[in-house]
Amino acid sequence: IRRYLMVSAMGVRDPAARGPEMRPYYEAKLEADEAL
């Protein structure tokens, strides 16, 4: 299957800027985007 759409989030560019509570989420999303 070639076609893959990812629902990411605008905050992935700077996970640290989102605060300690949200940082793990944005870091995980960023890594997923990079893997795709």
Full PDB file with SEQRES, HELIX, SHEET, SSBOND, CRYST1, ORIGX, SCALE, CONECT and MASTER records, all heavy atoms in Angstrom:
SEQRES   1 A   36  ILE ARG ARG TYR LEU MET VAL SER ALA MET GLY VAL ARG          
SEQRES   2 A   36  ASP PRO ALA ALA ARG GLY PRO GLU MET ARG PRO TYR TYR          
SEQRES   3 A   36  GLU ALA LYS LEU GLU ALA ASP GLU ALA LEU                      
HELIX    1 AA1 MET A   10  ARG A   13  5                                   4    
HELIX    2 AA2 PRO A   15  ARG A   18  5                                   4    
HELIX    3 AA3 ARG A   23  ALA A   35  1                                  13    
CRYST1    1.000    1.000    1.000  90.00  90.00  90.00 P 1           1          
ORIGX1      1.000000  0.000000  0.000000        0.00000                         
ORIGX2      0.000000  1.000000  0.000000        0.00000                         
ORIGX3      0.000000  0.000000  1.000000        0.00000                         
SCALE1      1.000000  0.000000  0.000000        0.00000                         
SCALE2      0.000000  1.000000  0.000000        0.00000                         
SCALE3      0.000000  0.000000  1.000000        0.00000                         
ATOM      1  N   ILE A   1       0.857  -1.189   0.000  1.00  0.00           N  
ATOM      2  CA  ILE A   1       0.000   0.000   0.000  1.00  0.00           C  
ATOM      3  C   ILE A   1       0.894   1.241   0.000  1.00  0.00           C  
ATOM      4  O   ILE A   1       1.683   1.441   0.928  1.00  0.00           O  
ATOM      5  CB  ILE A   1      -0.932   0.005   1.231  1.00  0.00           C  
ATOM      6  CG1 ILE A   1      -1.843  -1.221   1.209  1.00  0.00           C  
ATOM      7  CG2 ILE A   1      -1.767   1.287   1.274  1.00  0.00           C  
ATOM      8  CD1 ILE A   1      -2.609  -1.452   2.493  1.00  0.00           C  
ATOM      9  N   ARG A   2       0.793   2.054  -1.030  1.00  0.00           N  
ATOM     10  CA  ARG A   2       1.705   3.191  -1.188  1.00  0.00           C  
ATOM     11  C   ARG A   2       1.235   4.458  -0.473  1.00  0.00           C  
ATOM     12  O   ARG A   2       2.047   5.231   0.016  1.00  0.00           O  
ATOM     13  CB  ARG A   2       1.869   3.508  -2.684  1.00  0.00           C  
ATOM     14  CG  ARG A   2       2.473   2.399  -3.507  1.00  0.00           C  
ATOM     15  CD  ARG A   2       3.940   2.216  -3.201  1.00  0.00           C  
ATOM     16  NE  ARG A   2       4.664   3.482  -3.225  1.00  0.00           N  
ATOM     17  CZ  ARG A   2       5.853   3.665  -2.645  1.00  0.00           C  
ATOM     18  NH1 ARG A   2       6.440   2.681  -2.001  1.00  0.00           N  
ATOM     19  NH2 ARG A   2       6.453   4.843  -2.710  1.00  0.00           N  
ATOM     20  N   ARG A   3      -0.070   4.699  -0.441  1.00  0.00           N  
ATOM     21  CA  ARG A   3      -0.586   6.008  -0.015  1.00  0.00           C  
ATOM     22  C   ARG A   3      -0.826   6.040   1.487  1.00  0.00           C  
ATOM     23  O   ARG A   3      -1.552   5.200   2.037  1.00  0.00           O  
ATOM     24  CB  ARG A   3      -1.891   6.297  -0.769  1.00  0.00           C  
ATOM     25  CG  ARG A   3      -2.331   7.753  -0.721  1.00  0.00           C  
ATOM     26  CD  ARG A   3      -1.453   8.637  -1.570  1.00  0.00           C  
ATOM     27  NE  ARG A   3      -1.988  10.003  -1.634  1.00  0.00           N  
ATOM     28  CZ  ARG A   3      -1.528  11.009  -0.889  1.00  0.00           C  
ATOM     29  NH1 ARG A   3      -0.531  10.826  -0.052  1.00  0.00           N  
ATOM     30  NH2 ARG A   3      -2.058  12.205  -1.009  1.00  0.00           N  
ATOM     31  N   TYR A   4      -0.250   7.034   2.152  1.00  0.00           N  
ATOM     32  CA  TYR A   4      -0.330   7.140   3.623  1.00  0.00           C  
ATOM     33  C   TYR A   4      -0.498   8.607   3.989  1.00  0.00           C  
ATOM     34  O   TYR A   4       0.363   9.437   3.705  1.00  0.00           O  
ATOM     35  CB  TYR A   4       0.964   6.584   4.227  1.00  0.00           C  
ATOM     36  CG  TYR A   4       0.981   6.357   5.725  1.00  0.00           C  
ATOM     37  CD1 TYR A   4       1.323   5.108   6.246  1.00  0.00           C  
ATOM     38  CD2 TYR A   4       0.713   7.385   6.625  1.00  0.00           C  
ATOM     39  CE1 TYR A   4       1.381   4.887   7.623  1.00  0.00           C  
ATOM     40  CE2 TYR A   4       0.761   7.172   8.000  1.00  0.00           C  
ATOM     41  CZ  TYR A   4       1.099   5.916   8.490  1.00  0.00           C  
ATOM     42  OH  TYR A   4       1.160   5.706   9.856  1.00  0.00           O  
ATOM     43  N   LEU A   5      -1.614   8.919   4.622  1.00  0.00           N  
ATOM     44  CA  LEU A   5      -1.866  10.270   5.129  1.00  0.00           C  
ATOM     45  C   LEU A   5      -1.699  10.277   6.637  1.00  0.00           C  
ATOM     46  O   LEU A   5      -2.215   9.399   7.346  1.00  0.00           O  
ATOM     47  CB  LEU A   5      -3.289  10.722   4.783  1.00  0.00           C  
ATOM     48  CG  LEU A   5      -3.504  11.423   3.441  1.00  0.00           C  
ATOM     49  CD1 LEU A   5      -3.118  10.506   2.296  1.00  0.00           C  
ATOM     50  CD2 LEU A   5      -4.944  11.880   3.298  1.00  0.00           C  
ATOM     51  N   MET A   6      -0.994  11.270   7.133  1.00  0.00           N  
ATOM     52  CA  MET A   6      -0.755  11.411   8.563  1.00  0.00           C  
ATOM     53  C   MET A   6      -1.447  12.666   9.091  1.00  0.00           C  
ATOM     54  O   MET A   6      -1.266  13.757   8.534  1.00  0.00           O  
ATOM     55  CB  MET A   6       0.747  11.531   8.828  1.00  0.00           C  
ATOM     56  CG  MET A   6       1.117  11.784  10.290  1.00  0.00           C  
ATOM     57  SD  MET A   6       1.059  10.273  11.260  1.00  0.00           S  
ATOM     58  CE  MET A   6       2.649   9.556  10.803  1.00  0.00           C  
ATOM     59  N   VAL A   7      -2.223  12.501  10.154  1.00  0.00           N  
ATOM     60  CA  VAL A   7      -2.767  13.658  10.853  1.00  0.00           C  
ATOM     61  C   VAL A   7      -1.773  14.021  11.952  1.00  0.00           C  
ATOM     62  O   VAL A   7      -1.636  13.311  12.948  1.00  0.00           O  
ATOM     63  CB  VAL A   7      -4.153  13.370  11.450  1.00  0.00           C  
ATOM     64  CG1 VAL A   7      -4.693  14.621  12.149  1.00  0.00           C  
ATOM     65  CG2 VAL A   7      -5.122  12.911  10.369  1.00  0.00           C  
ATOM     66  N   SER A   8      -1.063  15.112  11.752  1.00  0.00           N  
ATOM     67  CA  SER A   8      -0.051  15.556  12.700  1.00  0.00           C  
ATOM     68  C   SER A   8      -0.586  16.767  13.480  1.00  0.00           C  
ATOM     69  O   SER A   8      -1.777  16.829  13.776  1.00  0.00           O  
ATOM     70  CB  SER A   8       1.242  15.881  11.935  1.00  0.00           C  
ATOM     71  OG  SER A   8       2.279  16.225  12.815  1.00  0.00           O  
ATOM     72  N   ALA A   9       0.260  17.716  13.791  1.00  0.00           N  
ATOM     73  CA  ALA A   9      -0.157  18.909  14.535  1.00  0.00           C  
ATOM     74  C   ALA A   9       0.859  20.019  14.293  1.00  0.00           C  
ATOM     75  O   ALA A   9       2.053  19.761  14.142  1.00  0.00           O  
ATOM     76  CB  ALA A   9      -0.251  18.605  16.032  1.00  0.00           C  
ATOM     77  N   MET A  10       0.382  21.255  14.255  1.00  0.00           N  
ATOM     78  CA  MET A  10       1.274  22.371  13.969  1.00  0.00           C  
ATOM     79  C   MET A  10       2.395  22.505  14.992  1.00  0.00           C  
ATOM     80  O   MET A  10       3.476  22.979  14.680  1.00  0.00           O  
ATOM     81  CB  MET A  10       0.482  23.677  13.880  1.00  0.00           C  
ATOM     82  CG  MET A  10      -0.256  23.833  12.560  1.00  0.00           C  
ATOM     83  SD  MET A  10      -1.149  25.413  12.403  1.00  0.00           S  
ATOM     84  CE  MET A  10       0.208  26.582  12.385  1.00  0.00           C  
ATOM     85  N   GLY A  11       2.149  22.058  16.227  1.00  0.00           N  
ATOM     86  CA  GLY A  11       3.142  22.243  17.278  1.00  0.00           C  
ATOM     87  C   GLY A  11       4.369  21.368  17.203  1.00  0.00           C  
ATOM     88  O   GLY A  11       5.284  21.506  18.021  1.00  0.00           O  
ATOM     89  N   VAL A  12       4.443  20.467  16.205  1.00  0.00           N  
ATOM     90  CA  VAL A  12       5.572  19.529  16.179  1.00  0.00           C  
ATOM     91  C   VAL A  12       6.899  20.220  15.867  1.00  0.00           C  
ATOM     92  O   VAL A  12       7.961  19.668  16.154  1.00  0.00           O  
ATOM     93  CB  VAL A  12       5.356  18.389  15.147  1.00  0.00           C  
ATOM     94  CG1 VAL A  12       4.126  17.583  15.488  1.00  0.00           C  
ATOM     95  CG2 VAL A  12       5.285  18.927  13.736  1.00  0.00           C  
ATOM     96  N   ARG A  13       6.858  21.413  15.307  1.00  0.00           N  
ATOM     97  CA  ARG A  13       8.114  22.070  14.946  1.00  0.00           C  
ATOM     98  C   ARG A  13       8.970  22.420  16.152  1.00  0.00           C  
ATOM     99  O   ARG A  13      10.182  22.471  16.060  1.00  0.00           O  
ATOM    100  CB  ARG A  13       7.820  23.341  14.150  1.00  0.00           C  
ATOM    101  CG  ARG A  13       7.483  23.061  12.702  1.00  0.00           C  
ATOM    102  CD  ARG A  13       7.706  24.298  11.854  1.00  0.00           C  
ATOM    103  NE  ARG A  13       7.438  23.980  10.467  1.00  0.00           N  
ATOM    104  CZ  ARG A  13       6.225  24.000   9.933  1.00  0.00           C  
ATOM    105  NH1 ARG A  13       5.191  24.340  10.671  1.00  0.00           N  
ATOM    106  NH2 ARG A  13       6.052  23.682   8.662  1.00  0.00           N  
ATOM    107  N   ASP A  14       8.319  22.662  17.282  1.00  0.00           N  
ATOM    108  CA  ASP A  14       9.062  23.037  18.487  1.00  0.00           C  
ATOM    109  C   ASP A  14       8.376  22.443  19.708  1.00  0.00           C  
ATOM    110  O   ASP A  14       7.692  23.142  20.455  1.00  0.00           O  
ATOM    111  CB  ASP A  14       9.144  24.563  18.593  1.00  0.00           C  
ATOM    112  CG  ASP A  14      10.073  25.027  19.713  1.00  0.00           C  
ATOM    113  OD1 ASP A  14      10.709  24.164  20.352  1.00  0.00           O  
ATOM    114  OD2 ASP A  14      10.166  26.249  19.949  1.00  0.00           O  
ATOM    115  N   PRO A  15       8.559  21.131  19.925  1.00  0.00           N  
ATOM    116  CA  PRO A  15       7.869  20.471  21.042  1.00  0.00           C  
ATOM    117  C   PRO A  15       8.147  21.118  22.398  1.00  0.00           C  
ATOM    118  O   PRO A  15       7.259  21.193  23.253  1.00  0.00           O  
ATOM    119  CB  PRO A  15       8.403  19.035  20.994  1.00  0.00           C  
ATOM    120  CG  PRO A  15       8.797  18.838  19.573  1.00  0.00           C  
ATOM    121  CD  PRO A  15       9.330  20.171  19.128  1.00  0.00           C  
ATOM    122  N   ALA A  16       9.364  21.605  22.607  1.00  0.00           N  
ATOM    123  CA  ALA A  16       9.720  22.184  23.902  1.00  0.00           C  
ATOM    124  C   ALA A  16       8.916  23.424  24.216  1.00  0.00           C  
ATOM    125  O   ALA A  16       8.675  23.747  25.391  1.00  0.00           O  
ATOM    126  CB  ALA A  16      11.214  22.501  23.927  1.00  0.00           C  
ATOM    127  N   ALA A  17       8.462  24.115  23.177  1.00  0.00           N  
ATOM    128  CA  ALA A  17       7.717  25.358  23.392  1.00  0.00           C  
ATOM    129  C   ALA A  17       6.304  25.104  23.906  1.00  0.00           C  
ATOM    130  O   ALA A  17       5.627  26.042  24.335  1.00  0.00           O  
ATOM    131  CB  ALA A  17       7.652  26.146  22.092  1.00  0.00           C  
ATOM    132  N   ARG A  18       5.877  23.856  23.887  1.00  0.00           N  
ATOM    133  CA  ARG A  18       4.502  23.536  24.270  1.00  0.00           C  
ATOM    134  C   ARG A  18       4.354  23.205  25.751  1.00  0.00           C  
ATOM    135  O   ARG A  18       3.269  22.857  26.202  1.00  0.00           O  
ATOM    136  CB  ARG A  18       4.006  22.359  23.422  1.00  0.00           C  
ATOM    137  CG  ARG A  18       4.055  22.653  21.933  1.00  0.00           C  
ATOM    138  CD  ARG A  18       3.061  23.714  21.545  1.00  0.00           C  
ATOM    139  NE  ARG A  18       3.312  24.261  20.228  1.00  0.00           N  
ATOM    140  CZ  ARG A  18       2.405  24.913  19.515  1.00  0.00           C  
ATOM    141  NH1 ARG A  18       1.190  25.082  20.012  1.00  0.00           N  
ATOM    142  NH2 ARG A  18       2.709  25.413  18.333  1.00  0.00           N  
ATOM    143  N   GLY A  19       5.452  23.280  26.497  1.00  0.00           N  
ATOM    144  CA  GLY A  19       5.384  23.009  27.920  1.00  0.00           C  
ATOM    145  C   GLY A  19       5.636  21.555  28.240  1.00  0.00           C  
ATOM    146  O   GLY A  19       5.491  20.680  27.376  1.00  0.00           O  
ATOM    147  N   PRO A  20       6.017  21.264  29.481  1.00  0.00           N  
ATOM    148  CA  PRO A  20       6.408  19.890  29.848  1.00  0.00           C  
ATOM    149  C   PRO A  20       5.277  18.876  29.712  1.00  0.00           C  
ATOM    150  O   PRO A  20       5.534  17.700  29.432  1.00  0.00           O  
ATOM    151  CB  PRO A  20       6.864  20.036  31.303  1.00  0.00           C  
ATOM    152  CG  PRO A  20       6.244  21.312  31.790  1.00  0.00           C  
ATOM    153  CD  PRO A  20       6.158  22.213  30.603  1.00  0.00           C  
ATOM    154  N   GLU A  21       4.044  19.300  29.898  1.00  0.00           N  
ATOM    155  CA  GLU A  21       2.932  18.349  29.840  1.00  0.00           C  
ATOM    156  C   GLU A  21       2.668  17.889  28.412  1.00  0.00           C  
ATOM    157  O   GLU A  21       2.402  16.706  28.158  1.00  0.00           O  
ATOM    158  CB  GLU A  21       1.661  18.981  30.424  1.00  0.00           C  
ATOM    159  CG  GLU A  21       0.494  18.009  30.492  1.00  0.00           C  
ATOM    160  CD  GLU A  21      -0.723  18.601  31.174  1.00  0.00           C  
ATOM    161  OE1 GLU A  21      -0.583  19.617  31.878  1.00  0.00           O  
ATOM    162  OE2 GLU A  21      -1.819  18.045  31.003  1.00  0.00           O  
ATOM    163  N   MET A  22       2.750  18.815  27.460  1.00  0.00           N  
ATOM    164  CA  MET A  22       2.434  18.490  26.068  1.00  0.00           C  
ATOM    165  C   MET A  22       3.659  18.060  25.262  1.00  0.00           C  
ATOM    166  O   MET A  22       3.519  17.500  24.171  1.00  0.00           O  
ATOM    167  CB  MET A  22       1.777  19.689  25.390  1.00  0.00           C  
ATOM    168  CG  MET A  22       0.389  20.008  25.900  1.00  0.00           C  
ATOM    169  SD  MET A  22      -0.760  18.612  25.699  1.00  0.00           S  
ATOM    170  CE  MET A  22      -0.807  18.448  23.908  1.00  0.00           C  
ATOM    171  N   ARG A  23       4.837  18.311  25.804  1.00  0.00           N  
ATOM    172  CA  ARG A  23       6.049  18.019  25.033  1.00  0.00           C  
ATOM    173  C   ARG A  23       6.132  16.573  24.571  1.00  0.00           C  
ATOM    174  O   ARG A  23       6.479  16.324  23.402  1.00  0.00           O  
ATOM    175  CB  ARG A  23       7.283  18.400  25.846  1.00  0.00           C  
ATOM    176  CG  ARG A  23       8.589  18.141  25.105  1.00  0.00           C  
ATOM    177  CD  ARG A  23       9.771  18.720  25.847  1.00  0.00           C  
ATOM    178  NE  ARG A  23      11.020  18.486  25.123  1.00  0.00           N  
ATOM    179  CZ  ARG A  23      12.168  19.054  25.433  1.00  0.00           C  
ATOM    180  NH1 ARG A  23      12.233  19.900  26.456  1.00  0.00           N  
ATOM    181  NH2 ARG A  23      13.255  18.789  24.728  1.00  0.00           N  
ATOM    182  N   PRO A  24       5.830  15.558  25.409  1.00  0.00           N  
ATOM    183  CA  PRO A  24       5.920  14.171  24.938  1.00  0.00           C  
ATOM    184  C   PRO A  24       5.015  13.886  23.740  1.00  0.00           C  
ATOM    185  O   PRO A  24       5.385  13.117  22.842  1.00  0.00           O  
ATOM    186  CB  PRO A  24       5.508  13.348  26.159  1.00  0.00           C  
ATOM    187  CG  PRO A  24       5.828  14.229  27.325  1.00  0.00           C  
ATOM    188  CD  PRO A  24       5.520  15.615  26.859  1.00  0.00           C  
ATOM    189  N   TYR A  25       3.847  14.511  23.717  1.00  0.00           N  
ATOM    190  CA  TYR A  25       2.931  14.314  22.593  1.00  0.00           C  
ATOM    191  C   TYR A  25       3.534  14.852  21.298  1.00  0.00           C  
ATOM    192  O   TYR A  25       3.576  14.153  20.278  1.00  0.00           O  
ATOM    193  CB  TYR A  25       1.599  15.010  22.876  1.00  0.00           C  
ATOM    194  CG  TYR A  25       0.718  15.143  21.662  1.00  0.00           C  
ATOM    195  CD1 TYR A  25       0.048  14.049  21.127  1.00  0.00           C  
ATOM    196  CD2 TYR A  25       0.549  16.384  21.036  1.00  0.00           C  
ATOM    197  CE1 TYR A  25      -0.756  14.177  20.002  1.00  0.00           C  
ATOM    198  CE2 TYR A  25      -0.248  16.518  19.916  1.00  0.00           C  
ATOM    199  CZ  TYR A  25      -0.902  15.411  19.409  1.00  0.00           C  
ATOM    200  OH  TYR A  25      -1.686  15.536  18.294  1.00  0.00           O  
ATOM    201  N   TYR A  26       4.021  16.080  21.349  1.00  0.00           N  
ATOM    202  CA  TYR A  26       4.563  16.686  20.129  1.00  0.00           C  
ATOM    203  C   TYR A  26       5.865  16.011  19.690  1.00  0.00           C  
ATOM    204  O   TYR A  26       6.132  15.912  18.492  1.00  0.00           O  
ATOM    205  CB  TYR A  26       4.757  18.185  20.323  1.00  0.00           C  
ATOM    206  CG  TYR A  26       3.453  18.939  20.324  1.00  0.00           C  
ATOM    207  CD1 TYR A  26       2.909  19.463  21.491  1.00  0.00           C  
ATOM    208  CD2 TYR A  26       2.724  19.108  19.150  1.00  0.00           C  
ATOM    209  CE1 TYR A  26       1.703  20.136  21.486  1.00  0.00           C  
ATOM    210  CE2 TYR A  26       1.516  19.780  19.136  1.00  0.00           C  
ATOM    211  CZ  TYR A  26       1.004  20.292  20.302  1.00  0.00           C  
ATOM    212  OH  TYR A  26      -0.201  20.954  20.296  1.00  0.00           O  
ATOM    213  N   GLU A  27       6.641  15.543  20.648  1.00  0.00           N  
ATOM    214  CA  GLU A  27       7.856  14.804  20.279  1.00  0.00           C  
ATOM    215  C   GLU A  27       7.504  13.498  19.572  1.00  0.00           C  
ATOM    216  O   GLU A  27       8.148  13.130  18.570  1.00  0.00           O  
ATOM    217  CB  GLU A  27       8.704  14.534  21.524  1.00  0.00           C  
ATOM    218  CG  GLU A  27       9.396  15.782  22.064  1.00  0.00           C  
ATOM    219  CD  GLU A  27      10.211  15.513  23.316  1.00  0.00           C  
ATOM    220  OE1 GLU A  27       9.917  14.514  24.025  1.00  0.00           O  
ATOM    221  OE2 GLU A  27      11.122  16.300  23.597  1.00  0.00           O  
ATOM    222  N   ALA A  28       6.481  12.803  20.080  1.00  0.00           N  
ATOM    223  CA  ALA A  28       6.056  11.547  19.452  1.00  0.00           C  
ATOM    224  C   ALA A  28       5.520  11.800  18.049  1.00  0.00           C  
ATOM    225  O   ALA A  28       5.817  11.050  17.105  1.00  0.00           O  
ATOM    226  CB  ALA A  28       4.997  10.862  20.314  1.00  0.00           C  
ATOM    227  N   LYS A  29       4.724  12.864  17.899  1.00  0.00           N  
ATOM    228  CA  LYS A  29       4.186  13.192  16.582  1.00  0.00           C  
ATOM    229  C   LYS A  29       5.302  13.567  15.609  1.00  0.00           C  
ATOM    230  O   LYS A  29       5.272  13.188  14.432  1.00  0.00           O  
ATOM    231  CB  LYS A  29       3.174  14.338  16.692  1.00  0.00           C  
ATOM    232  CG  LYS A  29       1.911  14.011  17.463  1.00  0.00           C  
ATOM    233  CD  LYS A  29       1.121  12.873  16.843  1.00  0.00           C  
ATOM    234  CE  LYS A  29       0.477  13.245  15.531  1.00  0.00           C  
ATOM    235  NZ  LYS A  29      -0.318  12.117  14.972  1.00  0.00           N  
ATOM    236  N   LEU A  30       6.287  14.318  16.079  1.00  0.00           N  
ATOM    237  CA  LEU A  30       7.403  14.710  15.227  1.00  0.00           C  
ATOM    238  C   LEU A  30       8.174  13.482  14.748  1.00  0.00           C  
ATOM    239  O   LEU A  30       8.516  13.364  13.560  1.00  0.00           O  
ATOM    240  CB  LEU A  30       8.336  15.661  15.973  1.00  0.00           C  
ATOM    241  CG  LEU A  30       9.608  16.076  15.232  1.00  0.00           C  
ATOM    242  CD1 LEU A  30       9.280  16.775  13.929  1.00  0.00           C  
ATOM    243  CD2 LEU A  30      10.479  16.961  16.128  1.00  0.00           C  
ATOM    244  N   GLU A  31       8.439  12.563  15.645  1.00  0.00           N  
ATOM    245  CA  GLU A  31       9.171  11.349  15.268  1.00  0.00           C  
ATOM    246  C   GLU A  31       8.364  10.511  14.272  1.00  0.00           C  
ATOM    247  O   GLU A  31       8.932   9.916  13.342  1.00  0.00           O  
ATOM    248  CB  GLU A  31       9.507  10.530  16.518  1.00  0.00           C  
ATOM    249  CG  GLU A  31      10.560  11.185  17.408  1.00  0.00           C  
ATOM    250  CD  GLU A  31      10.926  10.307  18.589  1.00  0.00           C  
ATOM    251  OE1 GLU A  31      10.832   9.073  18.466  1.00  0.00           O  
ATOM    252  OE2 GLU A  31      11.291  10.859  19.642  1.00  0.00           O  
ATOM    253  N   ALA A  32       7.050  10.471  14.460  1.00  0.00           N  
ATOM    254  CA  ALA A  32       6.203   9.736  13.521  1.00  0.00           C  
ATOM    255  C   ALA A  32       6.231  10.388  12.145  1.00  0.00           C  
ATOM    256  O   ALA A  32       6.320   9.702  11.117  1.00  0.00           O  
ATOM    257  CB  ALA A  32       4.767   9.667  14.055  1.00  0.00           C  
ATOM    258  N   ASP A  33       6.169  11.715  12.114  1.00  0.00           N  
ATOM    259  CA  ASP A  33       6.225  12.437  10.834  1.00  0.00           C  
ATOM    260  C   ASP A  33       7.548  12.144  10.117  1.00  0.00           C  
ATOM    261  O   ASP A  33       7.582  11.912   8.903  1.00  0.00           O  
ATOM    262  CB  ASP A  33       6.101  13.940  11.058  1.00  0.00           C  
ATOM    263  CG  ASP A  33       4.715  14.365  11.523  1.00  0.00           C  
ATOM    264  OD1 ASP A  33       3.822  13.503  11.605  1.00  0.00           O  
ATOM    265  OD2 ASP A  33       4.538  15.569  11.812  1.00  0.00           O  
ATOM    266  N   GLU A  34       8.625  12.184  10.869  1.00  0.00           N  
ATOM    267  CA  GLU A  34       9.951  11.961  10.277  1.00  0.00           C  
ATOM    268  C   GLU A  34      10.077  10.536   9.747  1.00  0.00           C  
ATOM    269  O   GLU A  34      10.671  10.307   8.679  1.00  0.00           O  
ATOM    270  CB  GLU A  34      11.036  12.264  11.307  1.00  0.00           C  
ATOM    271  CG  GLU A  34      11.141  13.756  11.644  1.00  0.00           C  
ATOM    272  CD  GLU A  34      12.108  14.053  12.777  1.00  0.00           C  
ATOM    273  OE1 GLU A  34      12.442  13.114  13.543  1.00  0.00           O  
ATOM    274  OE2 GLU A  34      12.516  15.212  12.907  1.00  0.00           O  
ATOM    275  N   ALA A  35       9.521   9.579  10.482  1.00  0.00           N  
ATOM    276  CA  ALA A  35       9.561   8.184  10.025  1.00  0.00           C  
ATOM    277  C   ALA A  35       8.781   8.012   8.729  1.00  0.00           C  
ATOM    278  O   ALA A  35       9.211   7.295   7.817  1.00  0.00           O  
ATOM    279  CB  ALA A  35       9.016   7.260  11.111  1.00  0.00           C  
ATOM    280  N   LEU A  36       7.627   8.668   8.638  1.00  0.00           N  
ATOM    281  CA  LEU A  36       6.827   8.555   7.424  1.00  0.00           C  
ATOM    282  C   LEU A  36       7.533   9.216   6.241  1.00  0.00           C  
ATOM    283  O   LEU A  36       7.581   8.654   5.139  1.00  0.00           O  
ATOM    284  CB  LEU A  36       5.452   9.183   7.639  1.00  0.00           C  
ATOM    285  CG  LEU A  36       4.515   9.166   6.427  1.00  0.00           C  
ATOM    286  CD1 LEU A  36       4.297   7.741   5.920  1.00  0.00           C  
ATOM    287  CD2 LEU A  36       3.189   9.821   6.771  1.00  0.00           C  
TER     288      LEU A  36                                                      
MASTER        0    0    0    3    0    0    0    6  287    1    0    3          
END                                                                             
